[in-house]
Amino acid sequence: MSARDRVLAILDSHSRETFLIAMGHRLGVSAREVFTGEGPHRLAQAQACNEMMISIWSQLWATKESQDSGYPDPEFLSALLSKADAGDARAHLRHALESALRTVDDAGNTNAS
């Protein structure tokens, strides 16, 4: 199963909220690390992390309140990749995805509902 397929399965399961929270948390930590680090692209990377977090929180909000906010699940990863690429932050997104997938796997919450 590809990473995209795994993410789509999780977004369509009872693990959706756990996954989105874990991913948003990891990107927040990444943004903090970028701000305290050095390098020519750190501001763009921090901004990309922030934009991705906003998308994740919108997706979570759609889960909780209104199906009108957020992205359709099949477009969610593409939107995050676009934001990551705009700020040279794909490594931060990859780390956040891997961390969120581990969180769901460790919790034993991979079954679709």
N, C-alpha and C. Protein backbone atom coordinates (compact mmCIF):
# COMPACT_ATOMS: atom_id res chain seq x y z
N MET A 1 0.86 -1.17 0.00
CA MET A 1 0.00 0.00 0.00
C MET A 1 0.91 1.24 0.00
N SER A 2 0.64 2.17 -0.89
CA SER A 2 1.44 3.39 -0.96
C SER A 2 1.13 4.29 0.24
N ALA A 3 2.01 5.25 0.47
CA ALA A 3 1.79 6.20 1.57
C ALA A 3 0.50 6.97 1.35
N ARG A 4 0.23 7.35 0.10
CA ARG A 4 -1.00 8.07 -0.20
C ARG A 4 -2.22 7.23 0.15
N ASP A 5 -2.18 5.95 -0.23
CA ASP A 5 -3.30 5.05 0.07
C ASP A 5 -3.47 4.88 1.58
N ARG A 6 -2.36 4.77 2.31
CA ARG A 6 -2.44 4.64 3.76
C ARG A 6 -3.08 5.89 4.37
N VAL A 7 -2.65 7.06 3.90
CA VAL A 7 -3.21 8.31 4.43
C VAL A 7 -4.70 8.39 4.13
N LEU A 8 -5.10 8.07 2.90
CA LEU A 8 -6.53 8.10 2.55
C LEU A 8 -7.34 7.14 3.40
N ALA A 9 -6.79 5.95 3.66
CA ALA A 9 -7.49 4.98 4.51
C ALA A 9 -7.63 5.52 5.93
N ILE A 10 -6.60 6.15 6.44
CA ILE A 10 -6.67 6.71 7.79
C ILE A 10 -7.65 7.86 7.85
N LEU A 11 -7.65 8.72 6.82
CA LEU A 11 -8.59 9.85 6.80
C LEU A 11 -10.04 9.38 6.74
N ASP A 12 -10.24 8.15 6.28
CA ASP A 12 -11.59 7.59 6.19
C ASP A 12 -11.87 6.64 7.36
N SER A 13 -11.11 6.77 8.44
CA SER A 13 -11.27 5.87 9.57
C SER A 13 -11.48 6.65 10.87
N HIS A 14 -11.66 5.91 11.94
CA HIS A 14 -11.81 6.53 13.25
C HIS A 14 -10.48 7.12 13.75
N SER A 15 -9.39 6.89 13.02
CA SER A 15 -8.07 7.41 13.39
C SER A 15 -7.78 8.78 12.79
N ARG A 16 -8.71 9.30 12.04
CA ARG A 16 -8.53 10.58 11.33
C ARG A 16 -8.05 11.68 12.27
N GLU A 17 -8.76 11.89 13.36
CA GLU A 17 -8.43 12.97 14.28
C GLU A 17 -7.03 12.78 14.88
N THR A 18 -6.73 11.59 15.32
CA THR A 18 -5.41 11.29 15.89
C THR A 18 -4.31 11.60 14.88
N PHE A 19 -4.51 11.16 13.65
CA PHE A 19 -3.53 11.37 12.59
C PHE A 19 -3.31 12.86 12.33
N LEU A 20 -4.38 13.61 12.16
CA LEU A 20 -4.26 15.04 11.86
C LEU A 20 -3.61 15.81 13.01
N ILE A 21 -3.98 15.48 14.24
CA ILE A 21 -3.38 16.15 15.39
C ILE A 21 -1.89 15.84 15.46
N ALA A 22 -1.52 14.59 15.27
CA ALA A 22 -0.10 14.21 15.31
C ALA A 22 0.69 14.91 14.21
N MET A 23 0.12 14.99 13.03
CA MET A 23 0.82 15.64 11.93
C MET A 23 0.97 17.14 12.18
N GLY A 24 -0.09 17.78 12.64
CA GLY A 24 -0.02 19.21 12.94
C GLY A 24 0.98 19.51 14.05
N HIS A 25 0.99 18.66 15.06
CA HIS A 25 1.94 18.85 16.16
C HIS A 25 3.38 18.74 15.65
N ARG A 26 3.65 17.73 14.84
CA ARG A 26 5.01 17.53 14.33
C ARG A 26 5.45 18.71 13.46
N LEU A 27 4.54 19.25 12.65
CA LEU A 27 4.90 20.41 11.83
C LEU A 27 5.14 21.64 12.68
N GLY A 28 4.41 21.77 13.78
CA GLY A 28 4.66 22.87 14.71
C GLY A 28 6.04 22.78 15.32
N VAL A 29 6.45 21.59 15.70
CA VAL A 29 7.79 21.38 16.24
C VAL A 29 8.83 21.68 15.17
N SER A 30 8.58 21.26 13.95
CA SER A 30 9.50 21.55 12.85
C SER A 30 9.65 23.05 12.63
N ALA A 31 8.53 23.77 12.65
CA ALA A 31 8.59 25.22 12.46
C ALA A 31 9.42 25.87 13.56
N ARG A 32 9.26 25.42 14.78
CA ARG A 32 10.05 25.97 15.87
C ARG A 32 11.53 25.68 15.65
N GLU A 33 11.86 24.47 15.23
CA GLU A 33 13.25 24.12 14.96
C GLU A 33 13.83 24.96 13.82
N VAL A 34 13.03 25.23 12.79
CA VAL A 34 13.47 26.05 11.67
C VAL A 34 13.78 27.46 12.16
N PHE A 35 12.89 28.02 12.97
CA PHE A 35 13.09 29.38 13.47
C PHE A 35 14.36 29.51 14.31
N THR A 36 14.71 28.48 15.05
CA THR A 36 15.88 28.56 15.91
C THR A 36 17.16 28.13 15.18
N GLY A 37 17.01 27.61 13.98
CA GLY A 37 18.17 27.15 13.21
C GLY A 37 18.75 28.26 12.36
N GLU A 38 19.61 27.83 11.47
CA GLU A 38 20.24 28.77 10.56
C GLU A 38 20.03 28.29 9.14
N GLY A 39 20.24 29.18 8.22
CA GLY A 39 20.14 28.81 6.81
C GLY A 39 19.37 29.83 6.03
N PRO A 40 19.65 29.88 4.73
CA PRO A 40 19.03 30.91 3.88
C PRO A 40 17.54 30.70 3.63
N HIS A 41 17.07 29.47 3.77
CA HIS A 41 15.67 29.18 3.43
C HIS A 41 14.79 29.01 4.67
N ARG A 42 15.30 29.37 5.83
CA ARG A 42 14.55 29.05 7.04
C ARG A 42 13.22 29.80 7.13
N LEU A 43 13.18 31.05 6.70
CA LEU A 43 11.91 31.79 6.76
C LEU A 43 10.88 31.16 5.82
N ALA A 44 11.30 30.79 4.61
CA ALA A 44 10.37 30.15 3.66
C ALA A 44 9.91 28.80 4.20
N GLN A 45 10.82 28.05 4.81
CA GLN A 45 10.44 26.75 5.37
C GLN A 45 9.47 26.91 6.53
N ALA A 46 9.73 27.87 7.40
CA ALA A 46 8.82 28.10 8.53
C ALA A 46 7.45 28.53 8.03
N GLN A 47 7.42 29.37 7.02
CA GLN A 47 6.14 29.79 6.46
C GLN A 47 5.41 28.61 5.84
N ALA A 48 6.14 27.75 5.13
CA ALA A 48 5.52 26.55 4.54
C ALA A 48 4.96 25.65 5.63
N CYS A 49 5.71 25.45 6.72
CA CYS A 49 5.22 24.64 7.83
C CYS A 49 3.94 25.25 8.39
N ASN A 50 3.92 26.56 8.53
CA ASN A 50 2.74 27.25 9.04
C ASN A 50 1.55 27.06 8.10
N GLU A 51 1.77 27.21 6.81
CA GLU A 51 0.69 27.02 5.83
C GLU A 51 0.16 25.59 5.87
N MET A 52 1.07 24.63 6.01
CA MET A 52 0.62 23.24 6.09
C MET A 52 -0.17 23.01 7.37
N MET A 53 0.27 23.61 8.49
CA MET A 53 -0.48 23.45 9.74
C MET A 53 -1.88 24.03 9.61
N ILE A 54 -2.01 25.18 8.97
CA ILE A 54 -3.33 25.78 8.76
C ILE A 54 -4.22 24.82 7.98
N SER A 55 -3.67 24.20 6.95
CA SER A 55 -4.45 23.22 6.16
C SER A 55 -4.85 22.03 7.01
N ILE A 56 -3.94 21.56 7.85
CA ILE A 56 -4.24 20.42 8.71
C ILE A 56 -5.32 20.78 9.72
N TRP A 57 -5.20 21.95 10.33
CA TRP A 57 -6.22 22.35 11.32
C TRP A 57 -7.57 22.56 10.63
N SER A 58 -7.57 23.06 9.38
CA SER A 58 -8.83 23.18 8.63
C SER A 58 -9.43 21.81 8.36
N GLN A 59 -8.57 20.85 8.05
CA GLN A 59 -9.04 19.49 7.81
C GLN A 59 -9.63 18.90 9.09
N LEU A 60 -8.97 19.16 10.19
CA LEU A 60 -9.47 18.69 11.49
C LEU A 60 -10.78 19.38 11.83
N TRP A 61 -10.87 20.66 11.58
CA TRP A 61 -12.09 21.42 11.83
C TRP A 61 -13.25 20.84 11.02
N ALA A 62 -12.96 20.47 9.77
CA ALA A 62 -13.99 19.87 8.92
C ALA A 62 -14.48 18.55 9.52
N THR A 63 -13.58 17.84 10.18
CA THR A 63 -13.95 16.59 10.83
C THR A 63 -14.89 16.85 11.99
N LYS A 64 -14.62 17.92 12.72
CA LYS A 64 -15.37 18.21 13.94
C LYS A 64 -16.68 18.96 13.70
N GLU A 65 -16.64 19.94 12.81
CA GLU A 65 -17.77 20.87 12.73
C GLU A 65 -18.48 20.92 11.39
N SER A 66 -17.73 21.27 10.38
CA SER A 66 -18.35 21.60 9.10
C SER A 66 -17.65 20.89 7.97
N GLN A 67 -18.37 20.13 7.22
CA GLN A 67 -17.79 19.44 6.08
C GLN A 67 -17.44 20.42 4.96
N ASP A 68 -17.81 21.70 5.10
CA ASP A 68 -17.54 22.69 4.07
C ASP A 68 -16.12 23.25 4.15
N SER A 69 -15.43 23.04 5.26
CA SER A 69 -14.06 23.54 5.35
C SER A 69 -13.10 22.40 5.09
N GLY A 70 -11.86 22.74 4.82
CA GLY A 70 -10.86 21.73 4.52
C GLY A 70 -10.89 21.35 3.05
N TYR A 71 -10.06 20.38 2.71
CA TYR A 71 -9.95 19.87 1.35
C TYR A 71 -10.68 18.54 1.26
N PRO A 72 -11.15 18.19 0.06
CA PRO A 72 -11.61 16.81 -0.11
C PRO A 72 -10.42 15.88 0.20
N ASP A 73 -10.64 14.81 0.89
CA ASP A 73 -9.54 13.94 1.32
C ASP A 73 -8.58 13.56 0.19
N PRO A 74 -9.07 13.22 -1.02
CA PRO A 74 -8.13 12.85 -2.08
C PRO A 74 -7.19 13.99 -2.51
N GLU A 75 -7.56 15.23 -2.23
CA GLU A 75 -6.74 16.39 -2.62
C GLU A 75 -5.85 16.89 -1.48
N PHE A 76 -6.05 16.37 -0.29
CA PHE A 76 -5.37 16.88 0.90
C PHE A 76 -3.85 16.77 0.79
N LEU A 77 -3.34 15.59 0.46
CA LEU A 77 -1.89 15.42 0.37
C LEU A 77 -1.29 16.28 -0.74
N SER A 78 -1.96 16.40 -1.86
CA SER A 78 -1.46 17.25 -2.95
C SER A 78 -1.36 18.70 -2.50
N ALA A 79 -2.34 19.15 -1.75
CA ALA A 79 -2.31 20.53 -1.24
C ALA A 79 -1.13 20.72 -0.29
N LEU A 80 -0.90 19.74 0.58
CA LEU A 80 0.23 19.84 1.51
C LEU A 80 1.56 19.81 0.75
N LEU A 81 1.67 18.95 -0.24
CA LEU A 81 2.90 18.89 -1.04
C LEU A 81 3.17 20.21 -1.75
N SER A 82 2.14 20.82 -2.27
CA SER A 82 2.29 22.10 -2.95
C SER A 82 2.82 23.17 -1.99
N LYS A 83 2.26 23.21 -0.79
CA LYS A 83 2.71 24.17 0.22
C LYS A 83 4.15 23.87 0.66
N ALA A 84 4.47 22.60 0.82
CA ALA A 84 5.83 22.21 1.21
C ALA A 84 6.83 22.61 0.13
N ASP A 85 6.50 22.33 -1.12
CA ASP A 85 7.41 22.65 -2.22
C ASP A 85 7.60 24.16 -2.38
N ALA A 86 6.59 24.93 -2.08
CA ALA A 86 6.71 26.39 -2.19
C ALA A 86 7.74 26.94 -1.21
N GLY A 87 7.99 26.23 -0.11
CA GLY A 87 8.93 26.72 0.89
C GLY A 87 10.12 25.80 1.10
N ASP A 88 10.36 24.90 0.16
CA ASP A 88 11.47 23.96 0.29
C ASP A 88 11.40 23.22 1.63
N ALA A 89 10.20 22.75 1.96
CA ALA A 89 9.95 22.13 3.27
C ALA A 89 9.42 20.71 3.14
N ARG A 90 9.70 20.05 2.02
CA ARG A 90 9.19 18.70 1.82
C ARG A 90 9.72 17.74 2.90
N ALA A 91 10.96 17.94 3.33
CA ALA A 91 11.51 17.06 4.38
C ALA A 91 10.71 17.18 5.67
N HIS A 92 10.25 18.39 5.98
CA HIS A 92 9.45 18.60 7.19
C HIS A 92 8.10 17.89 7.05
N LEU A 93 7.50 17.97 5.87
CA LEU A 93 6.23 17.28 5.63
C LEU A 93 6.42 15.78 5.72
N ARG A 94 7.46 15.26 5.10
CA ARG A 94 7.72 13.82 5.15
C ARG A 94 7.88 13.35 6.59
N HIS A 95 8.64 14.12 7.37
CA HIS A 95 8.85 13.75 8.77
C HIS A 95 7.52 13.77 9.54
N ALA A 96 6.70 14.78 9.28
CA ALA A 96 5.40 14.88 9.95
C ALA A 96 4.49 13.71 9.56
N LEU A 97 4.48 13.35 8.28
CA LEU A 97 3.66 12.22 7.83
C LEU A 97 4.13 10.92 8.46
N GLU A 98 5.44 10.69 8.45
CA GLU A 98 5.97 9.46 9.04
C GLU A 98 5.65 9.39 10.53
N SER A 99 5.80 10.51 11.21
CA SER A 99 5.50 10.55 12.64
C SER A 99 4.03 10.27 12.91
N ALA A 100 3.15 10.89 12.12
CA ALA A 100 1.70 10.69 12.30
C ALA A 100 1.31 9.24 11.98
N LEU A 101 1.90 8.67 10.94
CA LEU A 101 1.61 7.27 10.62
C LEU A 101 2.07 6.34 11.74
N ARG A 102 3.24 6.61 12.32
CA ARG A 102 3.71 5.81 13.46
C ARG A 102 2.78 5.95 14.65
N THR A 103 2.31 7.16 14.89
CA THR A 103 1.39 7.41 16.01
C THR A 103 0.14 6.56 15.86
N VAL A 104 -0.42 6.55 14.67
CA VAL A 104 -1.64 5.76 14.41
C VAL A 104 -1.33 4.27 14.52
N ASP A 105 -0.20 3.85 13.94
CA ASP A 105 0.18 2.43 14.01
C ASP A 105 0.41 1.99 15.46
N ASP A 106 1.11 2.82 16.22
CA ASP A 106 1.40 2.50 17.62
C ASP A 106 0.13 2.41 18.46
N ALA A 107 -0.86 3.21 18.10
CA ALA A 107 -2.12 3.19 18.84
C ALA A 107 -3.02 2.03 18.39
N GLY A 108 -2.62 1.35 17.31
CA GLY A 108 -3.42 0.24 16.81
C GLY A 108 -4.71 0.71 16.18
N ASN A 109 -4.69 1.92 15.64
CA ASN A 109 -5.90 2.54 15.11
C ASN A 109 -5.91 2.60 13.59
N THR A 110 -5.46 1.56 12.91
CA THR A 110 -5.38 1.62 11.46
C THR A 110 -6.61 1.04 10.76
N ASN A 111 -7.54 0.52 11.49
CA ASN A 111 -8.73 -0.06 10.85
C ASN A 111 -9.70 1.02 10.42
N ALA A 112 -10.17 0.94 9.21
CA ALA A 112 -11.19 1.88 8.73
C ALA A 112 -12.51 1.59 9.43
N SER A 113 -13.27 2.64 9.64
CA SER A 113 -14.58 2.45 10.30
C SER A 113 -15.68 2.32 9.30
